[in-house]
Amino acid sequence: MRNPSTAAVLSFLLPGMGQIYNGEWLHAILWFIITPGLWIGTGGCFGWVCHVISAYLAYVYAKDHPVVL
């Protein structure tokens, strides 16, 4: 069983880790590329937004798909 809270915390600490926990490898790669780009590209102003969005999406996916296939 996937734990939505674990997915959210992992993804908040490092965007993409919650997606790996959920088995969403392509989404994880996307977050690994986008987040550093926003941190560097905006001088740190919008990097935190990626952390929040990634955590939310990991939580929702784990909540909607609780069983690992």
Protein backbone atom coordinates (compact mmCIF):
# COMPACT_ATOMS: atom_id res chain seq x y z
CA MET A 1 0.00 0.00 0.00
CA ARG A 2 1.18 3.48 -0.81
CA ASN A 3 1.13 6.03 1.97
CA PRO A 4 0.06 9.45 0.62
CA SER A 5 1.81 11.30 3.46
CA THR A 6 5.11 9.55 2.77
CA ALA A 7 4.85 10.39 -0.93
CA ALA A 8 4.14 14.05 -0.14
CA VAL A 9 7.02 14.41 2.33
CA LEU A 10 9.49 12.71 0.00
CA SER A 11 8.43 14.91 -2.87
CA PHE A 12 8.53 18.07 -0.76
CA LEU A 13 12.10 17.32 0.36
CA LEU A 14 13.25 16.51 -3.17
CA PRO A 15 10.73 17.03 -5.98
CA GLY A 16 10.46 13.78 -7.89
CA MET A 17 11.18 11.42 -4.99
CA GLY A 18 7.48 11.08 -4.17
CA GLN A 19 6.81 10.26 -7.80
CA ILE A 20 9.49 7.54 -7.68
CA TYR A 21 7.87 6.20 -4.50
CA ASN A 22 4.59 6.04 -6.44
CA GLY A 23 6.22 4.38 -9.46
CA GLU A 24 5.82 7.39 -11.77
CA TRP A 25 9.30 7.43 -13.25
CA LEU A 26 8.62 9.84 -16.13
CA HIS A 27 7.00 12.39 -13.84
CA ALA A 28 9.97 12.07 -11.49
CA ILE A 29 12.40 12.86 -14.29
CA LEU A 30 10.29 15.87 -15.23
CA TRP A 31 10.43 17.23 -11.66
CA PHE A 32 14.19 16.54 -11.46
CA ILE A 33 14.67 18.75 -14.53
CA ILE A 34 12.11 21.52 -13.91
CA THR A 35 12.83 22.24 -10.24
CA PRO A 36 16.53 23.16 -10.54
CA GLY A 37 15.68 25.19 -13.63
CA LEU A 38 13.19 27.28 -11.70
CA TRP A 39 15.49 27.65 -8.68
CA ILE A 40 18.33 28.89 -10.87
CA GLY A 41 16.27 30.70 -13.51
CA THR A 42 14.27 32.80 -11.07
CA GLY A 43 16.96 33.34 -8.49
CA GLY A 44 15.10 31.19 -5.96
CA CYS A 45 11.77 33.00 -6.18
CA PHE A 46 9.74 30.19 -7.75
CA GLY A 47 11.71 27.06 -6.89
CA TRP A 48 9.64 26.51 -3.77
CA VAL A 49 6.50 26.43 -5.92
CA CYS A 50 7.81 23.24 -7.55
CA HIS A 51 8.29 21.67 -4.14
CA VAL A 52 4.69 22.38 -3.14
CA ILE A 53 3.15 21.30 -6.46
CA SER A 54 5.25 18.14 -6.62
CA ALA A 55 4.30 17.19 -3.06
CA TYR A 56 0.61 17.80 -3.75
CA LEU A 57 0.63 15.73 -6.94
CA ALA A 58 2.49 12.87 -5.25
CA TYR A 59 -0.04 12.92 -2.41
CA VAL A 60 -3.03 12.89 -4.77
CA TYR A 61 -1.61 10.07 -6.89
CA ALA A 62 -0.83 7.91 -3.85
CA LYS A 63 -4.30 8.60 -2.44
CA ASP A 64 -6.05 7.72 -5.72
CA HIS A 65 -3.86 4.66 -6.42
CA PRO A 66 -3.23 3.09 -3.00
CA VAL A 67 -2.27 -0.38 -4.24
CA VAL A 68 1.06 -1.05 -5.89
CA LEU A 69 0.54 -3.06 -9.07
